[in-house]
Amino acid sequence: MQTRPLIRLLYVSRAAGPQTGTVSTSILSVAQTNNRKNGITGVLCQGQGLYLQVLEGQRSAVNQLYAAILNDKRHHDVELLQLEEITTRRYPDWSMAHVELSDQDLMIRMNHPDFDPYTASGSTVMQLLTALVSSGDRLTMPPA
């Protein structure tokens, strides 16, 4: 029996309104529940008016979710930054982890003062997101 291909997708978008705790909680709650059901893992980084999200899973499931994301009115200017077939998930245990960035985030301001995910390469954005997740300071894990 042949296994279905796994993919990793990275996109960026701009928030349509304020990125409040209520909005974040709503997004994460629905994502964590639905992603568990659909075998999708990943991480959502938000702040400074932007969303950066990595989705991992079977190609058909990730494509269906990304199609829904494109129609979600809570954000706009959705742009695909990277799409790749993978053999191993980077976030195998996370239905959707959360990284929050404040406007005063020193790691971003000092290490990446001119960072713009809309002009950076997908691999550069993925490296930054990996560094943010690895630091652990801003990371909220999904409930087990």
Protein backbone atom coordinates (compact mmCIF):
# COMPACT_ATOMS: atom_id res chain seq x y z
CA MET A 1 0.00 0.00 0.00
CA GLN A 2 1.35 3.38 -1.00
CA THR A 3 1.40 6.18 1.57
CA ARG A 4 0.07 9.58 0.66
CA PRO A 5 2.67 12.31 0.22
CA LEU A 6 3.31 14.72 3.08
CA ILE A 7 3.85 18.40 2.40
CA ARG A 8 4.90 21.48 4.33
CA LEU A 9 3.32 24.79 3.36
CA LEU A 10 4.35 28.25 4.59
CA TYR A 11 2.29 31.37 3.95
CA VAL A 12 2.09 34.97 5.12
CA SER A 13 -0.96 37.22 5.38
CA ARG A 14 -2.00 40.56 6.83
CA ALA A 15 -4.57 40.75 9.62
CA ALA A 16 -7.85 42.36 8.55
CA GLY A 17 -8.38 43.77 12.05
CA PRO A 18 -6.67 43.96 15.42
CA GLN A 19 -4.86 40.80 16.52
CA THR A 20 -6.54 40.49 19.91
CA GLY A 21 -6.37 37.67 22.41
CA THR A 22 -9.99 36.81 21.61
CA VAL A 23 -9.25 36.45 17.89
CA SER A 24 -6.12 34.40 18.60
CA THR A 25 -7.94 32.08 21.00
CA SER A 26 -10.73 31.56 18.48
CA ILE A 27 -8.33 30.79 15.61
CA LEU A 28 -6.22 28.42 17.70
CA SER A 29 -9.14 26.58 19.28
CA VAL A 30 -10.73 25.78 15.91
CA ALA A 31 -7.37 25.01 14.28
CA GLN A 32 -6.26 22.63 17.02
CA THR A 33 -9.53 20.69 16.95
CA ASN A 34 -9.81 20.48 13.16
CA ASN A 35 -6.12 19.82 12.60
CA ARG A 36 -6.13 16.86 14.99
CA LYS A 37 -9.04 15.36 13.04
CA ASN A 38 -7.32 15.93 9.70
CA GLY A 39 -3.77 14.94 10.65
CA ILE A 40 -2.38 18.45 10.18
CA THR A 41 0.40 19.86 12.35
CA GLY A 42 2.13 23.22 12.38
CA VAL A 43 2.75 26.57 13.98
CA LEU A 44 1.08 29.98 13.73
CA CYS A 45 3.21 33.07 14.28
CA GLN A 46 1.30 36.31 14.65
CA GLY A 47 1.97 39.88 15.50
CA GLN A 48 2.82 43.25 14.03
CA GLY A 49 -0.27 42.91 11.82
CA LEU A 50 0.97 39.70 10.18
CA TYR A 51 0.31 35.99 10.28
CA LEU A 52 2.99 33.47 9.34
CA GLN A 53 1.82 29.88 9.35
CA VAL A 54 3.38 26.51 8.64
CA LEU A 55 1.05 23.61 7.87
CA GLU A 56 2.20 20.00 7.58
CA GLY A 57 0.23 16.93 6.61
CA GLN A 58 -1.09 14.85 3.76
CA ARG A 59 -1.17 16.88 0.58
CA SER A 60 -4.95 16.72 0.11
CA ALA A 61 -5.69 17.76 3.72
CA VAL A 62 -3.23 20.68 3.64
CA ASN A 63 -4.58 21.83 0.26
CA GLN A 64 -8.16 21.80 1.56
CA LEU A 65 -7.15 23.80 4.63
CA TYR A 66 -5.15 26.30 2.58
CA ALA A 67 -8.15 26.80 0.26
CA ALA A 68 -10.27 27.65 3.32
CA ILE A 69 -7.56 29.99 4.62
CA LEU A 70 -7.57 31.88 1.32
CA ASN A 71 -11.28 32.65 1.89
CA ASP A 72 -10.99 33.55 5.59
CA LYS A 73 -12.07 37.19 6.07
CA ARG A 74 -9.89 37.67 9.17
CA HIS A 75 -6.90 38.29 6.91
CA HIS A 76 -5.96 39.37 3.40
CA ASP A 77 -2.91 39.51 1.11
CA VAL A 78 -2.37 35.76 1.62
CA GLU A 79 0.82 34.75 -0.15
CA LEU A 80 2.33 31.29 -0.46
CA LEU A 81 6.01 31.49 0.50
CA GLN A 82 7.09 27.86 0.39
CA LEU A 83 5.62 24.49 -0.51
CA GLU A 84 7.62 21.28 -0.34
CA GLU A 85 7.18 17.54 -0.14
CA ILE A 86 8.59 16.18 3.11
CA THR A 87 9.34 12.79 4.59
CA THR A 88 9.42 14.00 8.21
CA ARG A 89 7.31 16.58 9.96
CA ARG A 90 9.07 19.45 11.73
CA TYR A 91 6.16 19.80 14.21
CA PRO A 92 4.85 16.22 14.58
CA ASP A 93 3.14 16.70 17.96
CA TRP A 94 1.63 20.15 17.48
CA SER A 95 -1.92 20.41 16.14
CA MET A 96 -1.13 24.15 16.07
CA ALA A 97 1.48 25.80 18.25
CA HIS A 98 1.40 29.57 18.59
CA VAL A 99 4.18 32.15 18.54
CA GLU A 100 3.21 35.72 19.35
CA LEU A 101 5.31 38.69 18.30
CA SER A 102 4.91 42.10 19.85
CA ASP A 103 5.74 45.33 18.07
CA GLN A 104 8.63 45.67 20.50
CA ASP A 105 10.08 42.18 19.95
CA LEU A 106 13.83 42.70 20.36
CA MET A 107 14.80 39.48 18.59
CA ILE A 108 13.12 40.71 15.43
CA ARG A 109 14.16 44.36 15.74
CA MET A 110 17.81 43.65 16.54
CA ASN A 111 18.49 40.56 14.43
CA HIS A 112 16.17 41.32 11.50
CA PRO A 113 15.46 45.09 11.45
CA ASP A 114 14.43 45.16 7.77
CA PHE A 115 12.55 41.86 7.78
CA ASP A 116 9.59 41.81 5.40
CA PRO A 117 8.11 38.35 4.77
CA TYR A 118 6.56 39.58 1.52
CA THR A 119 9.98 40.26 -0.02
CA ALA A 120 12.08 37.63 1.78
CA SER A 121 12.60 34.16 0.33
CA GLY A 122 10.50 31.34 1.72
CA SER A 123 13.60 29.66 3.13
CA THR A 124 14.60 32.87 4.96
CA VAL A 125 11.13 33.17 6.51
CA MET A 126 11.22 29.48 7.50
CA GLN A 127 14.63 29.96 9.16
CA LEU A 128 13.32 32.93 11.15
CA LEU A 129 10.20 31.03 12.20
CA THR A 130 12.35 28.04 13.23
CA ALA A 131 14.53 30.36 15.35
CA LEU A 132 11.46 31.88 17.01
CA VAL A 133 10.05 28.45 17.82
CA SER A 134 13.43 27.21 19.08
CA SER A 135 13.78 30.18 21.45
CA GLY A 136 10.62 28.98 23.22
CA ASP A 137 9.95 32.38 24.86
CA ARG A 138 6.94 33.25 22.76
CA LEU A 139 5.68 29.71 22.18
CA THR A 140 2.31 28.45 23.40
CA MET A 141 1.86 24.72 22.95
CA PRO A 142 -1.46 23.15 22.08
CA PRO A 143 -3.12 21.10 24.81
CA ALA A 144 -2.30 17.40 24.67
